[in-house]
Each structure stands twice: as C-alpha cells, then as structure tokens.
Protein backbone atom coordinates (compact mmCIF):
# COMPACT_ATOMS: atom_id res chain seq x y z
CA UNK A 1 -46.91 19.00 -14.24
CA UNK A 2 -44.79 18.77 -17.40
CA UNK A 3 -46.42 16.80 -20.23
CA UNK A 4 -44.35 13.99 -21.82
CA UNK A 5 -42.85 15.13 -25.13
CA UNK A 6 -40.33 12.37 -25.96
CA UNK A 7 -39.96 8.62 -25.52
CA UNK A 8 -37.59 9.27 -22.61
CA UNK A 9 -40.26 11.37 -20.91
CA UNK A 10 -42.82 8.58 -21.35
CA UNK A 11 -40.38 6.07 -19.85
CA UNK A 12 -39.78 8.38 -16.90
CA UNK A 13 -43.52 8.70 -16.30
CA UNK A 14 -44.11 4.95 -16.62
CA UNK A 15 -41.35 4.08 -14.15
CA UNK A 16 -41.86 7.03 -11.76
CA UNK A 17 -38.64 8.78 -12.77
CA UNK A 18 -36.50 6.02 -11.28
CA UNK A 19 -32.82 6.92 -11.11
CA UNK A 20 -30.15 4.55 -9.65
CA UNK A 21 -28.03 5.99 -6.91
CA UNK A 22 -24.81 4.68 -8.48
CA UNK A 23 -25.29 4.63 -12.25
CA UNK A 24 -21.81 3.23 -12.98
CA UNK A 25 -22.30 0.30 -10.59
CA UNK A 26 -25.72 -0.48 -12.06
CA UNK A 27 -24.23 -0.34 -15.57
CA UNK A 28 -21.55 -2.87 -14.73
CA UNK A 29 -23.94 -5.20 -12.91
CA UNK A 30 -26.54 -5.07 -15.69
CA UNK A 31 -23.94 -5.80 -18.36
CA UNK A 32 -22.46 -8.66 -16.32
CA UNK A 33 -25.88 -10.20 -15.66
CA UNK A 34 -26.74 -9.93 -19.35
CA UNK A 35 -23.57 -11.83 -20.25
CA UNK A 36 -24.21 -14.52 -17.64
CA UNK A 37 -27.81 -15.06 -18.74
CA UNK A 38 -26.77 -15.23 -22.38
CA UNK A 39 -23.98 -17.70 -21.63
CA UNK A 40 -26.39 -19.85 -19.61
CA UNK A 41 -28.92 -19.86 -22.45
CA UNK A 42 -26.27 -21.01 -24.94
CA UNK A 43 -25.02 -23.66 -22.49
CA UNK A 44 -28.54 -25.08 -22.10
CA UNK A 45 -29.17 -24.96 -25.85
CA UNK A 46 -25.99 -26.88 -26.66
CA UNK A 47 -26.28 -29.25 -23.65
CA UNK A 48 -22.93 -28.12 -22.31
CA UNK A 49 -21.71 -27.51 -18.78
CA UNK A 50 -22.05 -24.15 -17.06
CA UNK A 51 -18.43 -23.16 -16.33
CA UNK A 52 -17.55 -26.85 -15.82
CA UNK A 53 -20.66 -27.43 -13.68
CA UNK A 54 -23.50 -29.71 -14.76
CA UNK A 55 -26.76 -27.88 -15.44
CA UNK A 56 -29.85 -29.25 -13.65
CA UNK A 57 -32.10 -28.52 -16.65
CA UNK A 58 -31.92 -28.87 -20.43
CA UNK A 59 -35.39 -27.92 -21.59
CA UNK A 60 -35.71 -25.53 -24.58
CA UNK A 61 -38.07 -23.46 -22.46
CA UNK A 62 -35.19 -22.45 -20.22
CA UNK A 63 -33.25 -21.28 -23.29
CA UNK A 64 -35.95 -18.72 -24.09
CA UNK A 65 -36.25 -17.74 -20.43
CA UNK A 66 -32.54 -16.97 -20.06
CA UNK A 67 -32.41 -15.16 -23.40
CA UNK A 68 -35.34 -13.02 -22.25
CA UNK A 69 -33.56 -12.29 -18.96
CA UNK A 70 -30.44 -11.33 -20.89
CA UNK A 71 -32.43 -8.99 -23.13
CA UNK A 72 -34.11 -7.42 -20.10
CA UNK A 73 -30.73 -6.85 -18.40
CA UNK A 74 -29.40 -5.36 -21.61
CA UNK A 75 -32.50 -3.17 -21.94
CA UNK A 76 -31.94 -1.86 -18.42
CA UNK A 77 -28.74 -0.28 -19.69
CA UNK A 78 -30.79 1.67 -22.20
CA UNK A 79 -33.29 2.69 -19.57
CA UNK A 80 -30.79 4.22 -17.14
CA UNK A 81 -29.32 6.23 -20.03
CA UNK A 82 -32.71 7.01 -21.57
CA UNK A 83 -32.20 10.78 -21.53
CA UNK A 84 -29.40 10.41 -24.08
CA UNK A 85 -30.56 7.35 -26.02
CA UNK A 86 -34.32 7.92 -26.32
CA UNK A 87 -34.66 11.70 -26.31
CA UNK A 88 -35.78 11.85 -29.97
CA UNK A 89 -37.53 9.50 -32.36
CA UNK A 90 -34.39 9.27 -34.51
CA UNK A 91 -32.28 8.31 -31.50
CA UNK A 92 -34.86 5.65 -30.58
CA UNK A 93 -34.42 3.96 -33.95
CA UNK A 94 -30.63 4.27 -33.86
CA UNK A 95 -30.45 2.93 -30.28
CA UNK A 96 -32.62 -0.08 -31.02
CA UNK A 97 -30.64 -0.96 -34.15
CA UNK A 98 -27.33 -0.56 -32.35
CA UNK A 99 -28.53 -2.61 -29.37
CA UNK A 100 -29.60 -5.41 -31.70
CA UNK A 101 -26.22 -5.42 -33.50
CA UNK A 102 -24.28 -5.34 -30.22
CA UNK A 103 -26.41 -8.10 -28.70
CA UNK A 104 -25.96 -10.38 -31.71
CA UNK A 105 -22.23 -9.66 -31.77
CA UNK A 106 -21.89 -10.56 -28.08
CA UNK A 107 -23.97 -13.70 -28.62
CA UNK A 108 -21.77 -14.80 -31.51
CA UNK A 109 -18.59 -14.04 -29.56
CA UNK A 110 -19.69 -16.05 -26.51
CA UNK A 111 -20.81 -18.90 -28.76
CA UNK A 112 -17.45 -19.04 -30.52
CA UNK A 113 -15.21 -18.64 -27.47
CA UNK A 114 -16.99 -21.03 -25.10
CA UNK A 115 -18.76 -23.54 -27.34
CA UNK A 116 -17.52 -23.63 -30.95
CA UNK A 117 -13.76 -23.01 -30.75
CA UNK A 118 -11.26 -25.79 -30.14
CA UNK A 119 -8.70 -24.28 -27.79
CA UNK A 120 -6.58 -27.43 -27.60
CA UNK A 121 -4.43 -25.89 -30.32
CA UNK A 122 -3.46 -23.20 -27.78
CA UNK A 123 -3.10 -25.45 -24.72
CA UNK A 124 -0.90 -27.97 -26.48
CA UNK A 125 1.30 -25.34 -28.15
CA UNK A 126 1.40 -22.69 -25.41
CA UNK A 127 5.16 -23.05 -24.96
CA UNK A 128 5.73 -22.48 -28.68
CA UNK A 129 3.53 -19.35 -28.65
CA UNK A 130 5.38 -18.02 -25.61
CA UNK A 131 9.01 -18.74 -26.54
CA UNK A 132 9.06 -19.99 -30.12
CA UNK A 133 9.94 -23.33 -31.76
CA UNK A 134 13.63 -23.43 -30.78
CA UNK A 135 13.08 -23.18 -27.03
CA UNK A 136 10.22 -25.66 -27.37
CA UNK A 137 12.36 -28.29 -29.10
CA UNK A 138 15.36 -27.52 -26.87
CA UNK A 139 13.53 -27.34 -23.57
CA UNK A 140 16.73 -27.39 -21.52
CA UNK A 141 17.54 -23.91 -22.87
CA UNK A 142 14.41 -22.37 -21.28
CA UNK A 143 16.40 -22.00 -18.05
CA UNK A 144 18.17 -19.09 -19.73
CA UNK A 145 14.91 -17.10 -19.74
CA UNK A 146 14.12 -17.29 -16.04
CA UNK A 147 16.73 -14.74 -14.82
CA UNK A 148 15.06 -12.17 -17.07
CA UNK A 149 11.65 -13.11 -15.61
CA UNK A 150 12.98 -12.71 -12.06
CA UNK A 151 14.45 -9.29 -12.83
CA UNK A 152 11.21 -8.12 -14.44
CA UNK A 153 9.22 -9.27 -11.41
CA UNK A 154 11.45 -7.23 -9.08
CA UNK A 155 11.26 -4.17 -11.31
CA UNK A 156 7.48 -4.49 -11.57
CA UNK A 157 7.02 -4.79 -7.81
CA UNK A 158 9.37 -1.89 -7.06
CA UNK A 159 7.77 0.31 -9.71
CA UNK A 160 4.23 -0.13 -8.42
CA UNK A 161 5.33 -0.02 -4.78
CA UNK A 162 6.88 3.42 -5.20
CA UNK A 163 3.69 5.00 -6.59
CA UNK A 164 2.23 5.53 -3.11
CA UNK A 165 -1.14 4.00 -3.97
CA UNK A 166 -3.21 1.60 -1.91
CA UNK A 167 -1.85 -1.93 -1.74
CA UNK A 168 -5.05 -3.47 -3.09
CA UNK A 169 -4.64 -1.56 -6.37
CA UNK A 170 -1.65 -3.79 -7.11
CA UNK A 171 -2.24 -6.93 -5.08
CA UNK A 172 -5.69 -7.78 -6.45
CA UNK A 173 -4.93 -7.40 -10.20
CA UNK A 174 -1.51 -9.01 -9.86
CA UNK A 175 -2.97 -11.96 -7.95
CA UNK A 176 -5.49 -12.51 -10.76
CA UNK A 177 -2.66 -12.27 -13.28
CA UNK A 178 -0.59 -14.76 -11.28
CA UNK A 179 -3.52 -17.18 -11.11
CA UNK A 180 -3.92 -17.03 -14.90
CA UNK A 181 -0.21 -17.74 -15.40
CA UNK A 182 -0.28 -20.70 -13.02
CA UNK A 183 -3.36 -22.02 -14.79
CA UNK A 184 -1.72 -21.62 -18.17
CA UNK A 185 1.44 -23.41 -17.03
CA UNK A 186 -0.19 -26.40 -15.36
CA UNK A 187 -3.68 -26.92 -16.82
CA UNK A 188 -4.41 -29.62 -19.40
CA UNK A 189 -0.90 -31.10 -19.45
CA UNK A 190 -0.86 -34.18 -21.65
CA UNK A 191 0.34 -37.27 -19.74
CA UNK A 192 2.82 -38.16 -22.45
CA UNK A 193 4.01 -34.57 -22.64
CA UNK A 194 4.67 -33.88 -18.97
CA UNK A 195 8.43 -34.12 -19.32
CA UNK A 196 8.75 -34.33 -23.08
CA UNK A 197 11.08 -31.78 -24.57
CA UNK A 198 12.63 -31.33 -21.11
CA UNK A 199 9.44 -29.64 -19.91
CA UNK A 200 8.81 -30.32 -16.26
CA UNK A 201 5.64 -28.48 -15.32
CA UNK A 202 6.38 -29.02 -11.60
CA UNK A 203 9.68 -27.17 -11.94
CA UNK A 204 7.94 -24.49 -13.99
CA UNK A 205 5.34 -24.07 -11.25
CA UNK A 206 8.07 -23.72 -8.63
CA UNK A 207 9.84 -21.06 -10.67
CA UNK A 208 6.59 -19.19 -11.24
CA UNK A 209 5.80 -19.20 -7.53
CA UNK A 210 9.28 -17.87 -6.79
CA UNK A 211 8.71 -15.16 -9.40
CA UNK A 212 5.47 -14.13 -7.72
CA UNK A 213 7.22 -14.14 -4.33
CA UNK A 214 9.85 -11.72 -5.67
CA UNK A 215 7.15 -9.43 -7.07
CA UNK A 216 5.11 -9.44 -3.85
CA UNK A 217 8.17 -8.98 -1.62
CA UNK A 218 9.63 -6.13 -3.69
CA UNK A 219 6.23 -4.40 -3.83
CA UNK A 220 5.57 -4.64 -0.08
CA UNK A 221 9.10 -3.54 0.82
CA UNK A 222 9.09 -0.60 -1.62
CA UNK A 223 5.56 0.43 -0.63
CA UNK A 224 6.58 0.53 3.02
CA UNK A 225 9.70 2.55 2.28
CA UNK A 226 8.17 5.14 -0.06
CA UNK A 227 4.51 5.51 0.91
CA UNK A 228 5.35 8.66 2.92
CA UNK A 229 8.57 9.63 1.12
CA UNK A 230 9.27 13.04 -0.35
CA UNK A 231 8.75 13.53 -4.05
CA UNK A 232 12.45 13.99 -4.80
CA UNK A 233 13.20 10.67 -3.09
CA UNK A 234 10.61 8.88 -5.23
CA UNK A 235 11.94 10.53 -8.40
CA UNK A 236 15.49 9.45 -7.55
CA UNK A 237 14.29 5.90 -6.96
CA UNK A 238 12.51 5.92 -10.33
CA UNK A 239 15.77 6.97 -11.98
CA UNK A 240 17.44 3.97 -10.35
CA UNK A 241 14.66 1.73 -11.64
CA UNK A 242 15.11 3.11 -15.17
CA UNK A 243 18.81 2.33 -15.04
CA UNK A 244 17.96 -1.09 -13.60
CA UNK A 245 15.60 -1.78 -16.50
CA UNK A 246 18.34 -1.03 -19.03
CA UNK A 247 20.74 -3.22 -17.07
CA UNK A 248 18.14 -6.01 -16.94
CA UNK A 249 17.79 -5.87 -20.73
CA UNK A 250 21.57 -6.15 -21.18
CA UNK A 251 21.77 -9.03 -18.70
CA UNK A 252 18.92 -10.78 -20.54
CA UNK A 253 20.95 -10.71 -23.75
CA UNK A 254 23.97 -11.96 -21.83
CA UNK A 255 22.17 -14.89 -20.21
CA UNK A 256 20.66 -15.93 -23.52
CA UNK A 257 23.85 -15.83 -25.56
CA UNK A 258 26.48 -16.87 -22.99
CA UNK A 259 28.35 -20.18 -23.10
CA UNK A 260 27.40 -22.67 -20.36
CA UNK A 261 29.40 -25.87 -19.75
CA UNK A 262 31.03 -25.59 -23.14
CA UNK A 263 27.71 -25.22 -24.95
CA UNK A 264 27.13 -22.07 -26.97
CA UNK A 265 24.24 -19.80 -26.12
CA UNK A 266 21.06 -19.17 -28.03
CA UNK A 267 21.66 -16.66 -30.82
CA UNK A 268 19.01 -13.98 -31.45
CA UNK A 269 18.09 -15.71 -34.70
CA UNK A 270 16.70 -18.62 -32.66
CA UNK A 271 14.45 -16.50 -30.45
CA UNK A 272 10.72 -16.55 -31.06
CA UNK A 273 7.18 -16.31 -29.77
CA UNK A 274 5.80 -13.54 -27.62
CA UNK A 275 9.18 -13.32 -25.93
CA UNK A 276 10.70 -12.08 -29.19
CA UNK A 277 7.91 -9.52 -29.66
CA UNK A 278 8.57 -8.14 -26.18
CA UNK A 279 12.32 -7.98 -26.84
CA UNK A 280 11.84 -6.17 -30.15
CA UNK A 281 9.30 -3.71 -28.74
CA UNK A 282 11.26 -2.85 -25.58
CA UNK A 283 14.57 -2.46 -27.44
CA UNK A 284 13.00 -0.39 -30.23
CA UNK A 285 11.15 1.84 -27.74
CA UNK A 286 14.30 2.61 -25.73
CA UNK A 287 16.60 3.07 -28.73
CA UNK A 288 13.90 4.83 -30.72
CA UNK A 289 13.39 7.39 -27.97
CA UNK A 290 17.09 8.23 -28.06
CA UNK A 291 17.01 8.51 -31.85
CA UNK A 292 13.89 10.68 -31.66
CA UNK A 293 15.44 13.11 -29.17
CA UNK A 294 18.59 13.48 -31.28
CA UNK A 295 16.67 14.00 -34.53
CA UNK A 296 14.16 16.41 -32.92
CA UNK A 297 16.86 18.72 -31.58
CA UNK A 298 18.94 18.22 -34.72
CA UNK A 299 16.11 19.34 -36.98
CA UNK A 300 15.61 22.48 -34.90
CA UNK A 301 19.31 23.30 -34.84
CA UNK A 302 20.32 26.57 -36.55
CA UNK A 303 23.40 24.80 -37.96
CA UNK A 304 22.83 23.18 -41.37
CA UNK A 305 25.39 20.52 -40.42
CA UNK A 306 22.80 19.10 -38.00
CA UNK A 307 19.45 20.27 -39.38
CA UNK A 308 19.83 19.08 -42.98
CA UNK A 309 20.85 15.45 -42.22
CA UNK A 310 18.19 15.22 -39.49
CA UNK A 311 15.49 16.48 -41.84
CA UNK A 312 16.65 14.15 -44.62
CA UNK A 313 16.57 11.10 -42.34
CA UNK A 314 13.15 11.94 -40.90
CA UNK A 315 11.50 12.63 -44.24
CA UNK A 316 13.09 9.64 -45.98
CA UNK A 317 12.11 7.12 -43.32
CA UNK A 318 8.60 8.53 -42.82
CA UNK A 319 7.96 8.47 -46.57
CA UNK A 320 8.13 4.67 -46.76
CA UNK A 321 5.97 2.01 -45.11
CA UNK A 322 7.43 -0.08 -42.30
CA UNK A 323 7.04 -3.27 -44.32
CA UNK A 324 9.32 -1.88 -47.02
CA UNK A 325 11.98 -0.95 -44.47
CA UNK A 326 11.78 -4.41 -42.91
CA UNK A 327 12.45 -6.00 -46.29
CA UNK A 328 15.34 -3.58 -46.78
CA UNK A 329 16.72 -4.74 -43.43
CA UNK A 330 16.30 -8.36 -44.51
CA UNK A 331 17.71 -8.10 -48.04
CA UNK A 332 19.96 -5.03 -48.44
CA UNK A 333 21.19 -4.14 -44.96
CA UNK A 334 23.46 -7.21 -44.55
CA UNK A 335 25.55 -6.09 -47.55
CA UNK A 336 25.87 -2.61 -46.07
CA UNK A 337 26.84 -3.77 -42.57
CA UNK A 338 28.87 -6.87 -43.48
CA UNK A 339 32.34 -5.25 -43.44
CA UNK A 340 31.70 -3.84 -39.97
CA UNK A 341 28.97 -5.92 -38.33
CA UNK A 342 27.66 -9.36 -39.18
CA UNK A 343 24.19 -8.62 -37.82
CA UNK A 344 21.56 -11.34 -37.58
CA UNK A 345 17.92 -10.89 -38.62
CA UNK A 346 16.71 -9.90 -35.15
CA UNK A 347 19.43 -7.28 -34.67
CA UNK A 348 18.71 -5.76 -38.07
CA UNK A 349 14.99 -5.72 -37.27
CA UNK A 350 15.64 -3.91 -33.98
CA UNK A 351 17.77 -1.37 -35.86
CA UNK A 352 15.04 -0.66 -38.41
CA UNK A 353 12.23 -0.55 -35.83
CA UNK A 354 14.25 1.87 -33.69
CA UNK A 355 14.97 4.15 -36.62
CA UNK A 356 11.38 4.05 -37.87
CA UNK A 357 9.93 4.73 -34.42
CA UNK A 358 12.55 7.41 -33.69
CA UNK A 359 11.67 9.38 -36.83
CA UNK A 360 7.99 9.53 -35.92
CA UNK A 361 8.85 10.33 -32.31
CA UNK A 362 11.15 13.13 -33.50
CA UNK A 363 8.23 14.92 -35.14
CA UNK A 364 6.10 14.44 -32.01
CA UNK A 365 8.84 15.86 -29.79
CA UNK A 366 9.51 18.71 -32.23
CA UNK A 367 5.93 19.84 -31.78
CA UNK A 368 6.33 19.69 -28.01
CA UNK A 369 9.63 21.59 -28.14
CA UNK A 370 8.06 24.35 -30.21
CA UNK A 371 5.25 24.60 -27.65
CA UNK A 372 7.71 25.45 -24.85
CA UNK A 373 7.78 29.25 -24.38
CA UNK A 374 10.98 30.94 -25.51
CA UNK A 375 11.29 32.52 -22.07
CA UNK A 376 12.10 29.10 -20.61
CA UNK A 377 15.28 28.86 -22.67
CA UNK A 378 16.22 32.47 -21.98
CA UNK A 379 15.77 32.00 -18.24
CA UNK A 380 17.87 28.83 -18.26
CA UNK A 381 20.68 30.47 -20.21
CA UNK A 382 20.59 33.49 -17.91
CA UNK A 383 21.15 31.15 -14.96
CA UNK A 384 24.35 29.89 -16.55
CA UNK A 385 23.14 26.59 -17.98
CA UNK A 386 24.76 25.40 -21.17
CA UNK A 387 22.78 24.66 -24.34
CA UNK A 388 22.89 20.92 -23.69
CA UNK A 389 21.77 21.36 -20.08
CA UNK A 390 18.97 23.66 -21.17
CA UNK A 391 17.74 21.23 -23.80
CA UNK A 392 17.91 18.12 -21.62
CA UNK A 393 16.87 19.54 -18.23
CA UNK A 394 14.46 22.34 -19.18
CA UNK A 395 13.10 21.98 -22.72
CA UNK A 396 12.86 18.19 -23.13
CA UNK A 397 10.92 17.44 -19.89
CA UNK A 398 8.29 20.03 -20.78
CA UNK A 399 8.08 18.76 -24.37
CA UNK A 400 7.61 15.19 -23.14
CA UNK A 401 4.92 16.29 -20.71
CA UNK A 402 2.93 18.05 -23.43
CA UNK A 403 3.26 15.22 -25.96
CA UNK A 404 2.88 12.27 -23.56
CA UNK A 405 -0.38 10.94 -25.11
CA UNK A 406 1.13 10.99 -28.59
CA UNK A 407 4.36 9.35 -27.36
CA UNK A 408 2.47 6.49 -25.74
CA UNK A 409 0.35 6.08 -28.89
CA UNK A 410 3.56 5.78 -30.87
CA UNK A 411 4.84 3.12 -28.44
CA UNK A 412 1.59 1.16 -28.68
CA UNK A 413 1.78 1.32 -32.47
CA UNK A 414 5.37 0.07 -32.34
CA UNK A 415 4.34 -2.87 -30.13
CA UNK A 416 1.69 -3.86 -32.66
CA UNK A 417 4.05 -3.33 -35.58
CA UNK A 418 6.37 -6.04 -34.25
CA UNK A 419 3.84 -8.52 -35.63
CA UNK A 420 4.96 -7.55 -39.15
CA UNK A 421 8.27 -9.35 -38.74
CA UNK A 422 6.54 -12.64 -39.53
CA UNK A 423 6.78 -11.53 -43.17
CA UNK A 424 10.55 -12.03 -42.87
CA UNK A 425 10.19 -15.61 -41.70
CA UNK A 426 11.05 -14.79 -38.09
CA UNK A 427 9.14 -16.97 -35.66
CA UNK A 428 7.34 -14.33 -33.67
CA UNK A 429 3.94 -15.00 -32.06
CA UNK A 430 1.94 -14.36 -35.26
CA UNK A 431 4.23 -16.52 -37.35
CA UNK A 432 3.82 -19.33 -34.82
CA UNK A 433 0.03 -18.83 -34.82
CA UNK A 434 -0.01 -19.16 -38.61
CA UNK A 435 1.86 -22.47 -38.65
CA UNK A 436 0.09 -24.16 -35.71
CA UNK A 437 -2.99 -25.17 -37.78
CA UNK A 438 -0.61 -27.11 -40.07
CA UNK A 439 -0.38 -29.80 -37.39
CA UNK A 440 -2.44 -32.81 -38.41
CA UNK A 441 -4.60 -32.82 -35.26
CA UNK A 442 -5.34 -29.07 -35.50
CA UNK A 443 -5.81 -28.69 -39.24
CA UNK A 444 -7.77 -25.58 -40.14
CA UNK A 445 -7.92 -24.04 -36.65
CA UNK A 446 -6.66 -20.66 -37.85
CA UNK A 447 -9.31 -18.51 -36.08
CA UNK A 448 -8.45 -19.88 -32.63
CA UNK A 449 -4.69 -19.42 -32.99
CA UNK A 450 -4.82 -15.97 -34.57
CA UNK A 451 -7.55 -14.72 -32.22
CA UNK A 452 -5.60 -15.78 -29.14
CA UNK A 453 -2.41 -14.01 -30.23
CA UNK A 454 -4.42 -10.97 -31.29
CA UNK A 455 -6.02 -10.81 -27.85
CA UNK A 456 -2.57 -10.91 -26.22
CA UNK A 457 -1.52 -7.92 -28.31
CA UNK A 458 -4.74 -6.11 -27.42
CA UNK A 459 -4.29 -6.75 -23.69
CA UNK A 460 -0.73 -5.39 -23.71
CA UNK A 461 -1.83 -2.33 -25.71
CA UNK A 462 -4.71 -1.72 -23.30
CA UNK A 463 -2.32 -2.02 -20.35
CA UNK A 464 0.04 0.53 -21.93
CA UNK A 465 -2.87 2.93 -22.45
CA UNK A 466 -3.83 2.62 -18.77
CA UNK A 467 -0.23 3.38 -17.79
CA UNK A 468 -0.39 6.42 -20.04
CA UNK A 469 -3.54 7.65 -18.31
CA UNK A 470 -1.89 7.23 -14.90
CA UNK A 471 1.17 9.19 -16.03
CA UNK A 472 -1.05 11.94 -17.43
CA UNK A 473 -2.91 12.13 -14.13
CA UNK A 474 0.34 12.34 -12.16
CA UNK A 475 1.62 15.08 -14.44
CA UNK A 476 -1.57 17.10 -14.08
CA UNK A 477 -2.53 16.79 -17.75
CA UNK A 478 -6.21 16.26 -16.93
CA UNK A 479 -6.74 19.78 -15.74
CA UNK A 480 -5.63 23.23 -16.69
CA UNK A 481 -2.92 23.44 -14.04
CA UNK A 482 -0.49 20.74 -13.00
CA UNK A 483 2.62 22.41 -14.34
CA UNK A 484 4.29 22.08 -10.95
CA UNK A 485 4.31 18.28 -11.41
CA UNK A 486 6.77 18.52 -14.29
C-alpha cells in the first residue's frame, strides 16, 4: 500500500479516497449551499428576513452555526479538488489564503447587496436608467420605443429557433429573463407615481407580455420549421435575419424621429439611458465591421492609391485614445461637417466609434487574411471568380472564422467603451447613474447606482462571450478539424 506523501494523500486516506460521481454537479451544489448558509447567517445577525420570509430564530448561536456550515460547504470544494490544491505544502498555504480572501469577499458582497445597500435609488429611477431623462419626463414618447422592442423580440426568437437546439435551452433562460423584466416593470411602484409622467405600469405590463408572446411564437414556429432543415436552408434564413436586423435598426430610427399628429419626433440628442448605449454599440459594430473590411483589404492592396490611405487612417486612429477622439468629435468635427452635414452629438459619436472600432478590426482581419493559404486565391481565380468575388466569398469568410475570438473581443470592448460618452455630457446609463445620487432622498448613494449599471454592462458582455463560444463550436474552432463548417 502506498504511503501518504502529501496533504492530499493524507486527506484521501482519512476519507477513504472518496470521489464524487459527478464532480461538476457537486461543485455547483457545494458553492450554492455555501452561499445560502452565509446569507442565512447574515440575515440572522442583522435580524432581517430570509428572502422576504420571517426567520423563526434570531439567536447569535445560529449565526455561528450557519457560518460554520458555510465554511464546511466551501471546504468541500477544496476537498474534491484536493489533488490540485493540496498536493504540496506551498499549495496548501496558497489555497488556504485564497479561500479566506474569496470567502471574505463573498461575505462582504452578500452583506452589501442584500443588507447594506439602498436599492430604492434604482427602483424609483429605473425608467431613467433604461431610457434616459427625456423619455422619463415625456412619458408619452415612450410609445415610440415599443416597435423596436417588438422587432427585436421576433428577431431573437427566430434566431434561436433556427439553431436546431432543444427547446428548453431557449425557453428556460428566456422565461427567467421575462420574469425579471416583469418584476422590474411592476415591482415597488410608488402610489403617487403610478401614472405620473404618463407612466401606466398596467399598459407597460401588457406591452411586455405581448413582446414575450412574439418571442415565444417566433421561436416555436422557427424551431418547428428548421429543426430538420438542410444547412443551406438555415444559412439562407440567417442571411434574411441579418438583413432584417439592419432593417429593424433603420425602422427604429424612423419611429423615433418621425412626426406624429403634427408633433416632431425625438431627435438623437434627446436619447439616453441603456437604450442609447445599445444603439451606439449596435450601430458602431455594424458600421465598424464594414470599415474594418474595407481598410483590411485596402492595406493589403498592391496599389498605393488604396494601401497608403488605409495605412495612414489605421495608424493615425490607433495611435490615439478613444477619449481623445470622442472630444474631437464633440469639439472639432462639427466645424468639419457643418457645410455638408449638421450632425448631432449622437451621430458624431457613432461616426467616431465606428471608425475607431473599424481600425482595430482591420488589423484583426488583416492577420486572418494573411493566414489564408495563397492556394485559396489561386484556385478561386482559376475558377473564373473576380478579385472582389474572391475576397468576399473565399478569403473573408476564412479570415473571419480564424479571427472570430478576437472579433468578438473587439465587439465586447466597443460595448464597454460606449460608457465613455458620459464625458461629453450625453445622458447614457453611466451619466444617469452619476446624477441619480444628487436627488435629495438618495444623496450619496453612488455605489448602488454605479454598481447596478456596471452589472448590466457585465451581463451583456458575458452574454456576448457565450454567443462567441457557440459560434466557435459551430464553426469547429474547438478542434483541429471543422474546416468544412466554414
């Protein structure tokens, strides 16, 4: 019998070499139980309710008991991974120190989120965070936003329905998301604010339910139509969805700025909140991709007429920080564009974000283009394809496939960079979060407002990263083959 030589070996001997059958499941359950025990201990200590339920005990003894149970659950995580965490004396010390830091961090986070923070600043001002101060003070104009929400619900349902996955992979997460939206729209409505500012939460609830109906119906219909469809049929449908997304963006601008009953629309300068961040990010991503493709092929062109200007633009834009270019858009660009285009602040910001993102994307795509074997171009030209057809149908798809992780990282960075526009005085979500604590009843509540908006940005970025992983899996980027998926 092998003699114990490390702390992990001693643990294995003490616990008879116990190994869980499903280590991932045990990890999740142990972590969840540790969080629940820790939350319960803090609830008892502060004499608060347990998820809105009254606790049957409030003795300090129970505080220590639940903290001990939380530590034991947390320690179980270390035990099931003992071969990696406790295999040497140095790793034992490092693991214990890291576990202590993580445990205290989680304890402080739970204490702040559930017991110390005053989230009324978010509940009362949720409309302002979502759509900005103008739509909040002119509540009758919010009706202009709902057509865009309906179109996005249909596109979302059709997009997920055509992936050919199990229905539960969409229905369960989307139902949880829908529940959170309904809760956010109807919970903690102040009696005096039910219809103030033309906000009727009953009408909002009806519109939300109709939005969810469109998403569910489009998903179920598309899933039924394409679950056994051929790959070329699915690809053609995705092309239609891409065109529909561009059309939806154009229609959104039309509905916002059109004249209704003699009243002028809402100019882009009046937009705000998370809605404005989404508009800026989506427009800059689409336009920036086009700019990146043009600059990438232009820089690789053998003609100086195309390569020199492309190189100059890329190197000039990449040499300066985004903040500097935003101030240029705010201060200098109006004088440059005034004879031709009287652009507002939002339009100029979209122009700068698109150019900045496109220059970085051009270098990413250039690396992917150079990675495509020269034989691909020669074979395409030998088949009679023109240079443009070769670049767009042969070279670019392979370059995008190779550089997909970097492209998505660039898009995530662009989404987060939209928060910088608050420096220009534009009322995006971060600008709104900064001014909310100036209200007399919420004075000084900066952590709550900024943390909430920061979490929204993190959730969207995390969602984009998960989409990226799914695309990589579909393209076969997680194994050595998969080229046929291109």
